[in-house]
């Protein structure tokens, strides 16, 4: 019973973490491709 509850908790928290990592990766890629234009606008 205790193991089942622990496994269920892990399964529940995984999609949120995955979604966060995907959003972070998207942000990094966005900044990577727009870094040149962002630097031009800043300086």
PDB file of N, CA and C in Angstrom:
ATOM      1  N   UNK A   1       0.829  -1.211   0.000  1.00  0.00           N
ATOM      2  CA  UNK A   1       0.000   0.000   0.000  1.00  0.00           C
ATOM      3  C   UNK A   1       0.872   1.274   0.000  1.00  0.00           C
ATOM      4  N   UNK A   2       1.898   1.261   0.856  1.00  0.00           N
ATOM      5  CA  UNK A   2       2.782   2.420   0.956  1.00  0.00           C
ATOM      6  C   UNK A   2       3.565   2.624  -0.354  1.00  0.00           C
ATOM      7  N   UNK A   3       4.043   1.534  -0.928  1.00  0.00           N
ATOM      8  CA  UNK A   3       4.788   1.595  -2.183  1.00  0.00           C
ATOM      9  C   UNK A   3       3.899   2.100  -3.315  1.00  0.00           C
ATOM     10  N   UNK A   4       2.651   1.630  -3.322  1.00  0.00           N
ATOM     11  CA  UNK A   4       1.698   2.033  -4.355  1.00  0.00           C
ATOM     12  C   UNK A   4       1.446   3.545  -4.297  1.00  0.00           C
ATOM     13  N   UNK A   5       1.313   4.060  -3.078  1.00  0.00           N
ATOM     14  CA  UNK A   5       1.081   5.488  -2.901  1.00  0.00           C
ATOM     15  C   UNK A   5       2.300   6.294  -3.371  1.00  0.00           C
ATOM     16  N   UNK A   6       3.475   5.809  -3.044  1.00  0.00           N
ATOM     17  CA  UNK A   6       4.723   6.470  -3.438  1.00  0.00           C
ATOM     18  C   UNK A   6       4.862   6.491  -4.971  1.00  0.00           C
ATOM     19  N   UNK A   7       4.534   5.373  -5.605  1.00  0.00           N
ATOM     20  CA  UNK A   7       4.624   5.283  -7.062  1.00  0.00           C
ATOM     21  C   UNK A   7       3.629   6.230  -7.721  1.00  0.00           C
ATOM     22  N   UNK A   8       2.425   6.298  -7.146  1.00  0.00           N
ATOM     23  CA  UNK A   8       1.398   7.191  -7.675  1.00  0.00           C
ATOM     24  C   UNK A   8       1.818   8.653  -7.583  1.00  0.00           C
ATOM     25  N   UNK A   9       2.486   8.987  -6.468  1.00  0.00           N
ATOM     26  CA  UNK A   9       2.965  10.353  -6.273  1.00  0.00           C
ATOM     27  C   UNK A   9       4.026  10.715  -7.324  1.00  0.00           C
ATOM     28  N   UNK A  10       4.928   9.779  -7.591  1.00  0.00           N
ATOM     29  CA  UNK A  10       5.977  10.004  -8.601  1.00  0.00           C
ATOM     30  C   UNK A  10       5.355  10.211  -9.982  1.00  0.00           C
ATOM     31  N   UNK A  11       4.380   9.377 -10.300  1.00  0.00           N
ATOM     32  CA  UNK A  11       3.731   9.443 -11.612  1.00  0.00           C
ATOM     33  C   UNK A  11       3.007  10.774 -11.803  1.00  0.00           C
ATOM     34  N   UNK A  12       2.466  11.298 -10.694  1.00  0.00           N
ATOM     35  CA  UNK A  12       1.718  12.547 -10.760  1.00  0.00           C
ATOM     36  C   UNK A  12       2.641  13.752 -10.993  1.00  0.00           C
ATOM     37  N   UNK A  13       3.814  13.753 -10.350  1.00  0.00           N
ATOM     38  CA  UNK A  13       4.727  14.889 -10.428  1.00  0.00           C
ATOM     39  C   UNK A  13       5.566  14.900 -11.723  1.00  0.00           C
ATOM     40  N   UNK A  14       5.656  13.778 -12.399  1.00  0.00           N
ATOM     41  CA  UNK A  14       6.487  13.694 -13.607  1.00  0.00           C
ATOM     42  C   UNK A  14       6.007  14.593 -14.754  1.00  0.00           C
ATOM     43  N   UNK A  15       4.736  14.588 -15.137  1.00  0.00           N
ATOM     44  CA  UNK A  15       4.313  15.424 -16.269  1.00  0.00           C
ATOM     45  C   UNK A  15       4.578  16.916 -16.062  1.00  0.00           C
ATOM     46  N   UNK A  16       4.398  17.394 -14.845  1.00  0.00           N
ATOM     47  CA  UNK A  16       4.679  18.806 -14.554  1.00  0.00           C
ATOM     48  C   UNK A  16       6.143  19.133 -14.796  1.00  0.00           C
ATOM     49  N   UNK A  17       7.023  18.266 -14.317  1.00  0.00           N
ATOM     50  CA  UNK A  17       8.461  18.469 -14.481  1.00  0.00           C
ATOM     51  C   UNK A  17       8.833  18.422 -15.970  1.00  0.00           C
ATOM     52  N   UNK A  18       8.243  17.486 -16.691  1.00  0.00           N
ATOM     53  CA  UNK A  18       8.490  17.366 -18.127  1.00  0.00           C
ATOM     54  C   UNK A  18       8.028  18.603 -18.876  1.00  0.00           C
ATOM     55  N   UNK A  19       6.857  19.100 -18.498  1.00  0.00           N
ATOM     56  CA  UNK A  19       6.305  20.306 -19.130  1.00  0.00           C
ATOM     57  C   UNK A  19       7.204  21.505 -18.868  1.00  0.00           C
ATOM     58  N   UNK A  20       7.695  21.609 -17.631  1.00  0.00           N
ATOM     59  CA  UNK A  20       8.611  22.694 -17.264  1.00  0.00           C
ATOM     60  C   UNK A  20       9.893  22.624 -18.092  1.00  0.00           C
ATOM     61  N   UNK A  21      10.436  21.408 -18.263  1.00  0.00           N
ATOM     62  CA  UNK A  21      11.668  21.233 -19.036  1.00  0.00           C
ATOM     63  C   UNK A  21      11.454  21.584 -20.508  1.00  0.00           C
ATOM     64  N   UNK A  22      10.292  21.214 -21.056  1.00  0.00           N
ATOM     65  CA  UNK A  22       9.965  21.540 -22.445  1.00  0.00           C
ATOM     66  C   UNK A  22       9.860  23.049 -22.623  1.00  0.00           C
ATOM     67  N   UNK A  23       9.202  23.721 -21.684  1.00  0.00           N
ATOM     68  CA  UNK A  23       9.076  25.180 -21.756  1.00  0.00           C
ATOM     69  C   UNK A  23      10.442  25.851 -21.630  1.00  0.00           C
ATOM     70  N   UNK A  24      11.277  25.328 -20.744  1.00  0.00           N
ATOM     71  CA  UNK A  24      12.621  25.865 -20.572  1.00  0.00           C
ATOM     72  C   UNK A  24      13.452  25.682 -21.840  1.00  0.00           C
ATOM     73  N   UNK A  25      13.341  24.517 -22.464  1.00  0.00           N
ATOM     74  CA  UNK A  25      14.055  24.241 -23.700  1.00  0.00           C
ATOM     75  C   UNK A  25      13.582  25.165 -24.822  1.00  0.00           C
ATOM     76  N   UNK A  26      12.273  25.384 -24.896  1.00  0.00           N
ATOM     77  CA  UNK A  26      11.701  26.285 -25.905  1.00  0.00           C
ATOM     78  C   UNK A  26      12.227  27.707 -25.695  1.00  0.00           C
ATOM     79  N   UNK A  27      12.292  28.133 -24.449  1.00  0.00           N
ATOM     80  CA  UNK A  27      12.807  29.472 -24.128  1.00  0.00           C
ATOM     81  C   UNK A  27      14.271  29.612 -24.532  1.00  0.00           C
ATOM     82  N   UNK A  28      15.067  28.579 -24.217  1.00  0.00           N
ATOM     83  CA  UNK A  28      16.494  28.581 -24.573  1.00  0.00           C
ATOM     84  C   UNK A  28      16.667  28.638 -26.096  1.00  0.00           C
ATOM     85  N   UNK A  29      15.905  27.840 -26.824  1.00  0.00           N
ATOM     86  CA  UNK A  29      15.988  27.845 -28.284  1.00  0.00           C
ATOM     87  C   UNK A  29      15.556  29.191 -28.857  1.00  0.00           C
ATOM     88  N   UNK A  30      14.484  29.763 -28.297  1.00  0.00           N
ATOM     89  CA  UNK A  30      13.999  31.076 -28.735  1.00  0.00           C
ATOM     90  C   UNK A  30      15.075  32.135 -28.543  1.00  0.00           C
ATOM     91  N   UNK A  31      15.708  32.132 -27.360  1.00  0.00           N
ATOM     92  CA  UNK A  31      16.771  33.099 -27.072  1.00  0.00           C
ATOM     93  C   UNK A  31      17.996  32.868 -27.959  1.00  0.00           C
ATOM     94  N   UNK A  32      18.295  31.593 -28.224  1.00  0.00           N
ATOM     95  CA  UNK A  32      19.449  31.252 -29.053  1.00  0.00           C
ATOM     96  C   UNK A  32      19.293  31.803 -30.471  1.00  0.00           C
ATOM     97  N   UNK A  33      18.080  31.599 -31.048  1.00  0.00           N
ATOM     98  CA  UNK A  33      17.844  32.059 -32.419  1.00  0.00           C
ATOM     99  C   UNK A  33      17.620  33.563 -32.516  1.00  0.00           C
ATOM    100  N   UNK A  34      17.194  34.197 -31.430  1.00  0.00           N
ATOM    101  CA  UNK A  34      16.935  35.634 -31.453  1.00  0.00           C
ATOM    102  C   UNK A  34      18.017  36.445 -30.743  1.00  0.00           C
ATOM    103  N   UNK A  35      19.083  35.773 -30.307  1.00  0.00           N
ATOM    104  CA  UNK A  35      20.155  36.449 -29.583  1.00  0.00           C
ATOM    105  C   UNK A  35      20.769  37.572 -30.408  1.00  0.00           C
ATOM    106  N   UNK A  36      20.994  37.325 -31.691  1.00  0.00           N
ATOM    107  CA  UNK A  36      21.632  38.310 -32.558  1.00  0.00           C
ATOM    108  C   UNK A  36      20.774  39.579 -32.681  1.00  0.00           C
ATOM    109  N   UNK A  37      19.498  39.407 -32.947  1.00  0.00           N
ATOM    110  CA  UNK A  37      18.594  40.561 -33.075  1.00  0.00           C
ATOM    111  C   UNK A  37      18.387  41.270 -31.734  1.00  0.00           C
ATOM    112  N   UNK A  38      18.361  40.483 -30.642  1.00  0.00           N
ATOM    113  CA  UNK A  38      18.218  41.090 -29.308  1.00  0.00           C
ATOM    114  C   UNK A  38      19.446  41.923 -28.958  1.00  0.00           C
ATOM    115  N   UNK A  39      20.643  41.412 -29.267  1.00  0.00           N
ATOM    116  CA  UNK A  39      21.866  42.163 -28.995  1.00  0.00           C
ATOM    117  C   UNK A  39      21.942  43.419 -29.855  1.00  0.00           C
ATOM    118  N   UNK A  40      21.476  43.336 -31.104  1.00  0.00           N
ATOM    119  CA  UNK A  40      21.475  44.501 -32.000  1.00  0.00           C
ATOM    120  C   UNK A  40      20.558  45.592 -31.460  1.00  0.00           C
ATOM    121  N   UNK A  41      19.393  45.166 -30.930  1.00  0.00           N
ATOM    122  CA  UNK A  41      18.436  46.154 -30.395  1.00  0.00           C
ATOM    123  C   UNK A  41      18.923  46.772 -29.090  1.00  0.00           C
ATOM    124  N   UNK A  42      19.707  46.022 -28.320  1.00  0.00           N
ATOM    125  CA  UNK A  42      20.215  46.521 -27.040  1.00  0.00           C
ATOM    126  C   UNK A  42      21.416  47.449 -27.236  1.00  0.00           C
ATOM    127  N   UNK A  43      22.315  47.088 -28.143  1.00  0.00           N
ATOM    128  CA  UNK A  43      23.529  47.868 -28.344  1.00  0.00           C
ATOM    129  C   UNK A  43      23.552  48.591 -29.688  1.00  0.00           C
TER     130      UNK A  43
END
